[in-house]
Amino acid sequence: MSSSPEDTVHLTVDGAPLAAPAHRTVAAALQLEGEAAGWRTTRRGGERRGLFCGIGVCYDCLATVDGRRGVRTCLVEVTDGMDVRTGAGDA
């Protein structure tokens, strides 16, 4: 199945452009990106890691979305022009 331009949204993640499939959550888009998948880190070693629950229960996927801090990215659908900040202190 091929995707068409209307099946893709364009957002910015930590200042870098990202094209993602429409109707996905922000967390899913970050996971698909690969490099951004480890925006969360372990407490002790600071190593990159992925999501924990992915269903909005654990608050592990927090980021700043369009200026709103502490957004659970696993519950928010990507939109065209969205600005996502995953850096330290943004959650």
PDB file of N, CA and C in Angstrom:
ATOM      1  N   MET A   1       0.847  -1.173   0.000  1.00  0.00           N
ATOM      2  CA  MET A   1       0.000   0.000   0.000  1.00  0.00           C
ATOM      3  C   MET A   1       0.892   1.234   0.000  1.00  0.00           C
ATOM      4  N   SER A   2       0.719   2.107  -0.951  1.00  0.00           N
ATOM      5  CA  SER A   2       1.518   3.322  -1.008  1.00  0.00           C
ATOM      6  C   SER A   2       0.773   4.453  -0.324  1.00  0.00           C
ATOM      7  N   SER A   3       1.546   5.416   0.136  1.00  0.00           N
ATOM      8  CA  SER A   3       0.906   6.551   0.806  1.00  0.00           C
ATOM      9  C   SER A   3       0.891   7.739  -0.144  1.00  0.00           C
ATOM     10  N   SER A   4      -0.093   8.562   0.011  1.00  0.00           N
ATOM     11  CA  SER A   4      -0.215   9.760  -0.805  1.00  0.00           C
ATOM     12  C   SER A   4       0.092  10.968   0.071  1.00  0.00           C
ATOM     13  N   PRO A   5       0.326  12.137  -0.546  1.00  0.00           N
ATOM     14  CA  PRO A   5       0.649  13.327   0.262  1.00  0.00           C
ATOM     15  C   PRO A   5      -0.388  13.645   1.321  1.00  0.00           C
ATOM     16  N   GLU A   6      -1.666  13.364   1.051  1.00  0.00           N
ATOM     17  CA  GLU A   6      -2.678  13.666   2.066  1.00  0.00           C
ATOM     18  C   GLU A   6      -2.657  12.666   3.221  1.00  0.00           C
ATOM     19  N   ASP A   7      -1.890  11.602   3.079  1.00  0.00           N
ATOM     20  CA  ASP A   7      -1.736  10.622   4.151  1.00  0.00           C
ATOM     21  C   ASP A   7      -0.544  10.952   5.042  1.00  0.00           C
ATOM     22  N   THR A   8       0.105  12.082   4.776  1.00  0.00           N
ATOM     23  CA  THR A   8       1.311  12.461   5.489  1.00  0.00           C
ATOM     24  C   THR A   8       1.137  13.843   6.103  1.00  0.00           C
ATOM     25  N   VAL A   9       1.600  14.005   7.330  1.00  0.00           N
ATOM     26  CA  VAL A   9       1.620  15.329   7.958  1.00  0.00           C
ATOM     27  C   VAL A   9       3.072  15.701   8.207  1.00  0.00           C
ATOM     28  N   HIS A  10       3.320  17.001   8.294  1.00  0.00           N
ATOM     29  CA  HIS A  10       4.677  17.500   8.502  1.00  0.00           C
ATOM     30  C   HIS A  10       4.710  18.245   9.829  1.00  0.00           C
ATOM     31  N   LEU A  11       5.588  17.800  10.707  1.00  0.00           N
ATOM     32  CA  LEU A  11       5.733  18.435  12.004  1.00  0.00           C
ATOM     33  C   LEU A  11       7.200  18.713  12.262  1.00  0.00           C
ATOM     34  N   THR A  12       7.469  19.402  13.335  1.00  0.00           N
ATOM     35  CA  THR A  12       8.838  19.697  13.731  1.00  0.00           C
ATOM     36  C   THR A  12       9.081  19.039  15.082  1.00  0.00           C
ATOM     37  N   VAL A  13      10.188  18.303  15.179  1.00  0.00           N
ATOM     38  CA  VAL A  13      10.555  17.641  16.423  1.00  0.00           C
ATOM     39  C   VAL A  13      11.927  18.159  16.832  1.00  0.00           C
ATOM     40  N   ASP A  14      11.968  18.863  17.941  1.00  0.00           N
ATOM     41  CA  ASP A  14      13.212  19.461  18.436  1.00  0.00           C
ATOM     42  C   ASP A  14      13.917  20.275  17.353  1.00  0.00           C
ATOM     43  N   GLY A  15      13.119  21.006  16.561  1.00  0.00           N
ATOM     44  CA  GLY A  15      13.662  21.881  15.542  1.00  0.00           C
ATOM     45  C   GLY A  15      13.916  21.232  14.189  1.00  0.00           C
ATOM     46  N   ALA A  16      13.786  19.915  14.097  1.00  0.00           N
ATOM     47  CA  ALA A  16      14.034  19.207  12.838  1.00  0.00           C
ATOM     48  C   ALA A  16      12.707  18.787  12.196  1.00  0.00           C
ATOM     49  N   PRO A  17      12.614  18.902  10.881  1.00  0.00           N
ATOM     50  CA  PRO A  17      11.375  18.498  10.208  1.00  0.00           C
ATOM     51  C   PRO A  17      11.180  16.985  10.257  1.00  0.00           C
ATOM     52  N   LEU A  18       9.922  16.571  10.344  1.00  0.00           N
ATOM     53  CA  LEU A  18       9.586  15.154  10.351  1.00  0.00           C
ATOM     54  C   LEU A  18       8.285  14.964   9.584  1.00  0.00           C
ATOM     55  N   ALA A  19       8.298  14.078   8.611  1.00  0.00           N
ATOM     56  CA  ALA A  19       7.079  13.689   7.907  1.00  0.00           C
ATOM     57  C   ALA A  19       6.598  12.403   8.553  1.00  0.00           C
ATOM     58  N   ALA A  20       5.326  12.354   8.898  1.00  0.00           N
ATOM     59  CA  ALA A  20       4.777  11.195   9.593  1.00  0.00           C
ATOM     60  C   ALA A  20       3.446  10.802   8.972  1.00  0.00           C
ATOM     61  N   PRO A  21       3.102   9.522   9.063  1.00  0.00           N
ATOM     62  CA  PRO A  21       1.791   9.106   8.571  1.00  0.00           C
ATOM     63  C   PRO A  21       0.683   9.810   9.353  1.00  0.00           C
ATOM     64  N   ALA A  22      -0.340  10.252   8.637  1.00  0.00           N
ATOM     65  CA  ALA A  22      -1.495  10.874   9.286  1.00  0.00           C
ATOM     66  C   ALA A  22      -2.200   9.857  10.171  1.00  0.00           C
ATOM     67  N   HIS A  23      -2.938  10.346  11.135  1.00  0.00           N
ATOM     68  CA  HIS A  23      -3.753   9.520  12.032  1.00  0.00           C
ATOM     69  C   HIS A  23      -2.921   8.624  12.942  1.00  0.00           C
ATOM     70  N   ARG A  24      -1.680   9.002  13.199  1.00  0.00           N
ATOM     71  CA  ARG A  24      -0.832   8.306  14.158  1.00  0.00           C
ATOM     72  C   ARG A  24      -0.671   9.216  15.372  1.00  0.00           C
ATOM     73  N   THR A  25      -0.319   8.636  16.496  1.00  0.00           N
ATOM     74  CA  THR A  25      -0.011   9.474  17.649  1.00  0.00           C
ATOM     75  C   THR A  25       1.392  10.046  17.483  1.00  0.00           C
ATOM     76  N   VAL A  26       1.674  11.079  18.253  1.00  0.00           N
ATOM     77  CA  VAL A  26       3.008  11.658  18.238  1.00  0.00           C
ATOM     78  C   VAL A  26       4.027  10.595  18.655  1.00  0.00           C
ATOM     79  N   ALA A  27       3.723   9.826  19.681  1.00  0.00           N
ATOM     80  CA  ALA A  27       4.641   8.775  20.137  1.00  0.00           C
ATOM     81  C   ALA A  27       4.917   7.770  19.026  1.00  0.00           C
ATOM     82  N   ALA A  28       3.883   7.366  18.289  1.00  0.00           N
ATOM     83  CA  ALA A  28       4.069   6.419  17.190  1.00  0.00           C
ATOM     84  C   ALA A  28       4.946   7.027  16.105  1.00  0.00           C
ATOM     85  N   ALA A  29       4.744   8.306  15.802  1.00  0.00           N
ATOM     86  CA  ALA A  29       5.568   8.978  14.793  1.00  0.00           C
ATOM     87  C   ALA A  29       7.028   9.011  15.230  1.00  0.00           C
ATOM     88  N   LEU A  30       7.262   9.266  16.509  1.00  0.00           N
ATOM     89  CA  LEU A  30       8.632   9.280  17.015  1.00  0.00           C
ATOM     90  C   LEU A  30       9.239   7.888  16.995  1.00  0.00           C
ATOM     91  N   GLN A  31       8.469   6.889  17.304  1.00  0.00           N
ATOM     92  CA  GLN A  31       8.957   5.509  17.247  1.00  0.00           C
ATOM     93  C   GLN A  31       9.308   5.126  15.806  1.00  0.00           C
ATOM     94  N   LEU A  32       8.467   5.535  14.849  1.00  0.00           N
ATOM     95  CA  LEU A  32       8.732   5.237  13.440  1.00  0.00           C
ATOM     96  C   LEU A  32      10.007   5.916  12.963  1.00  0.00           C
ATOM     97  N   GLU A  33      10.317   7.065  13.540  1.00  0.00           N
ATOM     98  CA  GLU A  33      11.495   7.819  13.138  1.00  0.00           C
ATOM     99  C   GLU A  33      12.784   7.096  13.521  1.00  0.00           C
ATOM    100  N   GLY A  34      12.731   6.269  14.537  1.00  0.00           N
ATOM    101  CA  GLY A  34      13.925   5.524  14.939  1.00  0.00           C
ATOM    102  C   GLY A  34      14.844   6.334  15.827  1.00  0.00           C
ATOM    103  N   GLU A  35      15.488   7.343  15.273  1.00  0.00           N
ATOM    104  CA  GLU A  35      16.416   8.153  16.053  1.00  0.00           C
ATOM    105  C   GLU A  35      15.718   8.849  17.213  1.00  0.00           C
ATOM    106  N   ALA A  36      14.519   9.320  16.992  1.00  0.00           N
ATOM    107  CA  ALA A  36      13.785  10.031  18.031  1.00  0.00           C
ATOM    108  C   ALA A  36      13.144   9.069  19.029  1.00  0.00           C
ATOM    109  N   ALA A  37      13.198   7.770  18.731  1.00  0.00           N
ATOM    110  CA  ALA A  37      12.522   6.794  19.584  1.00  0.00           C
ATOM    111  C   ALA A  37      13.044   6.807  21.006  1.00  0.00           C
ATOM    112  N   GLY A  38      14.265   7.229  21.205  1.00  0.00           N
ATOM    113  CA  GLY A  38      14.831   7.238  22.544  1.00  0.00           C
ATOM    114  C   GLY A  38      14.837   8.599  23.186  1.00  0.00           C
ATOM    115  N   TRP A  39      13.764   9.351  23.001  1.00  0.00           N
ATOM    116  CA  TRP A  39      13.746  10.687  23.612  1.00  0.00           C
ATOM    117  C   TRP A  39      13.634  10.578  25.120  1.00  0.00           C
ATOM    118  N   ARG A  40      13.235   9.426  25.632  1.00  0.00           N
ATOM    119  CA  ARG A  40      13.226   9.183  27.073  1.00  0.00           C
ATOM    120  C   ARG A  40      14.517   8.445  27.416  1.00  0.00           C
ATOM    121  N   THR A  41      15.022   8.662  28.616  1.00  0.00           N
ATOM    122  CA  THR A  41      16.273   8.011  29.014  1.00  0.00           C
ATOM    123  C   THR A  41      16.113   7.303  30.351  1.00  0.00           C
ATOM    124  N   THR A  42      17.016   6.356  30.596  1.00  0.00           N
ATOM    125  CA  THR A  42      17.005   5.645  31.873  1.00  0.00           C
ATOM    126  C   THR A  42      17.506   6.566  32.971  1.00  0.00           C
ATOM    127  N   ARG A  43      17.064   6.338  34.188  1.00  0.00           N
ATOM    128  CA  ARG A  43      17.444   7.205  35.314  1.00  0.00           C
ATOM    129  C   ARG A  43      18.930   7.141  35.628  1.00  0.00           C
ATOM    130  N   ARG A  44      19.458   5.963  35.716  1.00  0.00           N
ATOM    131  CA  ARG A  44      20.840   5.834  36.178  1.00  0.00           C
ATOM    132  C   ARG A  44      21.870   6.045  35.084  1.00  0.00           C
ATOM    133  N   GLY A  45      21.713   5.386  33.964  1.00  0.00           N
ATOM    134  CA  GLY A  45      22.725   5.463  32.923  1.00  0.00           C
ATOM    135  C   GLY A  45      22.492   6.531  31.873  1.00  0.00           C
ATOM    136  N   GLY A  46      21.300   7.116  31.861  1.00  0.00           N
ATOM    137  CA  GLY A  46      20.988   8.117  30.860  1.00  0.00           C
ATOM    138  C   GLY A  46      20.902   7.541  29.455  1.00  0.00           C
ATOM    139  N   GLU A  47      20.677   6.236  29.354  1.00  0.00           N
ATOM    140  CA  GLU A  47      20.604   5.586  28.055  1.00  0.00           C
ATOM    141  C   GLU A  47      19.240   5.798  27.420  1.00  0.00           C
ATOM    142  N   ARG A  48      19.230   5.898  26.093  1.00  0.00           N
ATOM    143  CA  ARG A  48      17.979   6.094  25.371  1.00  0.00           C
ATOM    144  C   ARG A  48      17.108   4.854  25.485  1.00  0.00           C
ATOM    145  N   ARG A  49      15.812   5.076  25.559  1.00  0.00           N
ATOM    146  CA  ARG A  49      14.878   3.956  25.604  1.00  0.00           C
ATOM    147  C   ARG A  49      13.558   4.378  24.976  1.00  0.00           C
ATOM    148  N   GLY A  50      12.713   3.426  24.680  1.00  0.00           N
ATOM    149  CA  GLY A  50      11.434   3.713  24.045  1.00  0.00           C
ATOM    150  C   GLY A  50      10.338   3.951  25.059  1.00  0.00           C
ATOM    151  N   LEU A  51       9.114   3.734  24.629  1.00  0.00           N
ATOM    152  CA  LEU A  51       7.942   3.953  25.469  1.00  0.00           C
ATOM    153  C   LEU A  51       7.766   2.833  26.479  1.00  0.00           C
ATOM    154  N   PHE A  52       6.980   3.099  27.494  1.00  0.00           N
ATOM    155  CA  PHE A  52       6.681   2.070  28.481  1.00  0.00           C
ATOM    156  C   PHE A  52       5.329   1.444  28.178  1.00  0.00           C
ATOM    157  N   CYS A  53       4.236   2.166  28.380  1.00  0.00           N
ATOM    158  CA  CYS A  53       2.921   1.546  28.181  1.00  0.00           C
ATOM    159  C   CYS A  53       2.302   1.890  26.833  1.00  0.00           C
ATOM    160  N   GLY A  54       2.458   3.113  26.376  1.00  0.00           N
ATOM    161  CA  GLY A  54       1.912   3.510  25.091  1.00  0.00           C
ATOM    162  C   GLY A  54       0.399   3.690  25.049  1.00  0.00           C
ATOM    163  N   ILE A  55      -0.263   3.670  26.221  1.00  0.00           N
ATOM    164  CA  ILE A  55      -1.723   3.816  26.243  1.00  0.00           C
ATOM    165  C   ILE A  55      -2.198   4.922  27.190  1.00  0.00           C
ATOM    166  N   GLY A  56      -1.281   5.778  27.638  1.00  0.00           N
ATOM    167  CA  GLY A  56      -1.671   6.933  28.433  1.00  0.00           C
ATOM    168  C   GLY A  56      -1.795   6.706  29.920  1.00  0.00           C
ATOM    169  N   VAL A  57      -1.300   5.589  30.407  1.00  0.00           N
ATOM    170  CA  VAL A  57      -1.426   5.282  31.825  1.00  0.00           C
ATOM    171  C   VAL A  57      -0.198   5.738  32.619  1.00  0.00           C
ATOM    172  N   CYS A  58       0.986   5.636  32.036  1.00  0.00           N
ATOM    173  CA  CYS A  58       2.207   5.782  32.835  1.00  0.00           C
ATOM    174  C   CYS A  58       2.865   7.163  32.790  1.00  0.00           C
ATOM    175  N   TYR A  59       2.471   8.056  31.931  1.00  0.00           N
ATOM    176  CA  TYR A  59       3.080   9.389  31.810  1.00  0.00           C
ATOM    177  C   TYR A  59       4.548   9.331  31.396  1.00  0.00           C
ATOM    178  N   ASP A  60       4.948   8.267  30.742  1.00  0.00           N
ATOM    179  CA  ASP A  60       6.346   8.090  30.378  1.00  0.00           C
ATOM    180  C   ASP A  60       6.714   8.797  29.071  1.00  0.00           C
ATOM    181  N   CYS A  61       5.750   9.147  28.265  1.00  0.00           N
ATOM    182  CA  CYS A  61       6.019   9.696  26.939  1.00  0.00           C
ATOM    183  C   CYS A  61       5.835  11.211  26.890  1.00  0.00           C
ATOM    184  N   LEU A  62       5.992  11.877  28.004  1.00  0.00           N
ATOM    185  CA  LEU A  62       5.742  13.317  28.070  1.00  0.00           C
ATOM    186  C   LEU A  62       6.678  14.122  27.184  1.00  0.00           C
ATOM    187  N   ALA A  63       6.126  15.150  26.574  1.00  0.00           N
ATOM    188  CA  ALA A  63       6.886  16.107  25.773  1.00  0.00           C
ATOM    189  C   ALA A  63       6.087  17.407  25.750  1.00  0.00           C
ATOM    190  N   THR A  64       6.676  18.433  25.176  1.00  0.00           N
ATOM    191  CA  THR A  64       5.967  19.689  24.970  1.00  0.00           C
ATOM    192  C   THR A  64       5.447  19.697  23.541  1.00  0.00           C
ATOM    193  N   VAL A  65       4.141  19.867  23.386  1.00  0.00           N
ATOM    194  CA  VAL A  65       3.512  19.841  22.069  1.00  0.00           C
ATOM    195  C   VAL A  65       2.803  21.179  21.852  1.00  0.00           C
ATOM    196  N   ASP A  66       3.238  21.877  20.828  1.00  0.00           N
ATOM    197  CA  ASP A  66       2.669  23.195  20.509  1.00  0.00           C
ATOM    198  C   ASP A  66       2.627  24.104  21.732  1.00  0.00           C
ATOM    199  N   GLY A  67       3.708  24.069  22.508  1.00  0.00           N
ATOM    200  CA  GLY A  67       3.837  24.941  23.674  1.00  0.00           C
ATOM    201  C   GLY A  67       3.204  24.416  24.947  1.00  0.00           C
ATOM    202  N   ARG A  68       2.476  23.323  24.883  1.00  0.00           N
ATOM    203  CA  ARG A  68       1.857  22.736  26.082  1.00  0.00           C
ATOM    204  C   ARG A  68       2.798  21.696  26.677  1.00  0.00           C
ATOM    205  N   ARG A  69       3.278  21.964  27.866  1.00  0.00           N
ATOM    206  CA  ARG A  69       4.214  21.056  28.542  1.00  0.00           C
ATOM    207  C   ARG A  69       3.475  19.854  29.128  1.00  0.00           C
ATOM    208  N   GLY A  70       4.191  18.741  29.265  1.00  0.00           N
ATOM    209  CA  GLY A  70       3.646  17.570  29.936  1.00  0.00           C
ATOM    210  C   GLY A  70       2.560  16.850  29.162  1.00  0.00           C
ATOM    211  N   VAL A  71       2.613  16.885  27.848  1.00  0.00           N
ATOM    212  CA  VAL A  71       1.603  16.218  27.023  1.00  0.00           C
ATOM    213  C   VAL A  71       1.981  14.744  26.863  1.00  0.00           C
ATOM    214  N   ARG A  72       1.010  13.854  27.088  1.00  0.00           N
ATOM    215  CA  ARG A  72       1.243  12.428  26.855  1.00  0.00           C
ATOM    216  C   ARG A  72       1.150  12.177  25.350  1.00  0.00           C
ATOM    217  N   THR A  73       2.302  12.008  24.725  1.00  0.00           N
ATOM    218  CA  THR A  73       2.362  11.914  23.262  1.00  0.00           C
ATOM    219  C   THR A  73       1.702  10.654  22.717  1.00  0.00           C
ATOM    220  N   CYS A  74       1.480   9.674  23.550  1.00  0.00           N
ATOM    221  CA  CYS A  74       0.814   8.457  23.076  1.00  0.00           C
ATOM    222  C   CYS A  74      -0.691   8.656  22.921  1.00  0.00           C
ATOM    223  N   LEU A  75      -1.202   9.802  23.360  1.00  0.00           N
ATOM    224  CA  LEU A  75      -2.639  10.080  23.268  1.00  0.00           C
ATOM    225  C   LEU A  75      -2.983  11.184  22.275  1.00  0.00           C
ATOM    226  N   VAL A  76      -1.971  11.833  21.696  1.00  0.00           N
ATOM    227  CA  VAL A  76      -2.201  12.980  20.822  1.00  0.00           C
ATOM    228  C   VAL A  76      -1.865  12.615  19.383  1.00  0.00           C
ATOM    229  N   GLU A  77      -2.825  12.847  18.483  1.00  0.00           N
ATOM    230  CA  GLU A  77      -2.616  12.563  17.064  1.00  0.00           C
ATOM    231  C   GLU A  77      -1.786  13.672  16.417  1.00  0.00           C
ATOM    232  N   VAL A  78      -0.888  13.285  15.520  1.00  0.00           N
ATOM    233  CA  VAL A  78      -0.071  14.275  14.820  1.00  0.00           C
ATOM    234  C   VAL A  78      -0.949  15.155  13.944  1.00  0.00           C
ATOM    235  N   THR A  79      -0.561  16.418  13.834  1.00  0.00           N
ATOM    236  CA  THR A  79      -1.250  17.353  12.950  1.00  0.00           C
ATOM    237  C   THR A  79      -0.211  18.119  12.142  1.00  0.00           C
ATOM    238  N   ASP A  80      -0.606  18.584  10.988  1.00  0.00           N
ATOM    239  CA  ASP A  80       0.298  19.331  10.128  1.00  0.00           C
ATOM    240  C   ASP A  80       0.739  20.606  10.835  1.00  0.00           C
ATOM    241  N   GLY A  81       2.046  20.854  10.852  1.00  0.00           N
ATOM    242  CA  GLY A  81       2.591  22.056  11.469  1.00  0.00           C
ATOM    243  C   GLY A  81       2.857  21.943  12.961  1.00  0.00           C
ATOM    244  N   MET A  82       2.596  20.801  13.558  1.00  0.00           N
ATOM    245  CA  MET A  82       2.788  20.599  14.997  1.00  0.00           C
ATOM    246  C   MET A  82       4.255  20.781  15.374  1.00  0.00           C
ATOM    247  N   ASP A  83       4.488  21.368  16.554  1.00  0.00           N
ATOM    248  CA  ASP A  83       5.844  21.548  17.084  1.00  0.00           C
ATOM    249  C   ASP A  83       5.986  20.703  18.347  1.00  0.00           C
ATOM    250  N   VAL A  84       6.923  19.755  18.321  1.00  0.00           N
ATOM    251  CA  VAL A  84       7.141  18.840  19.445  1.00  0.00           C
ATOM    252  C   VAL A  84       8.538  19.063  19.982  1.00  0.00           C
ATOM    253  N   ARG A  85       8.638  19.225  21.291  1.00  0.00           N
ATOM    254  CA  ARG A  85       9.925  19.398  21.966  1.00  0.00           C
ATOM    255  C   ARG A  85      10.096  18.255  22.959  1.00  0.00           C
ATOM    256  N   THR A  86      11.113  17.454  22.771  1.00  0.00           N
ATOM    257  CA  THR A  86      11.317  16.289  23.622  1.00  0.00           C
ATOM    258  C   THR A  86      12.463  16.452  24.586  1.00  0.00           C
ATOM    259  N   GLY A  87      13.183  17.563  24.521  1.00  0.00           N
ATOM    260  CA  GLY A  87      14.383  17.763  25.313  1.00  0.00           C
ATOM    261  C   GLY A  87      14.172  17.752  26.807  1.00  0.00           C
ATOM    262  N   ALA A  88      15.260  17.606  27.519  1.00  0.00           N
ATOM    263  CA  ALA A  88      15.231  17.597  28.981  1.00  0.00           C
ATOM    264  C   ALA A  88      14.568  18.876  29.494  1.00  0.00           C
ATOM    265  N   GLY A  89      13.706  18.716  30.447  1.00  0.00           N
ATOM    266  CA  GLY A  89      13.018  19.852  31.035  1.00  0.00           C
ATOM    267  C   GLY A  89      11.737  20.236  30.315  1.00  0.00           C
ATOM    268  N   ASP A  90      11.476  19.602  29.196  1.00  0.00           N
ATOM    269  CA  ASP A  90      10.263  19.926  28.448  1.00  0.00           C
ATOM    270  C   ASP A  90       9.051  19.157  28.955  1.00  0.00           C
ATOM    271  N   ALA A  91       9.260  18.119  29.722  1.00  0.00           N
ATOM    272  CA  ALA A  91       8.142  17.321  30.217  1.00  0.00           C
ATOM    273  C   ALA A  91       7.755  17.847  31.541  1.00  0.00           C
TER     274      ALA A  91
END
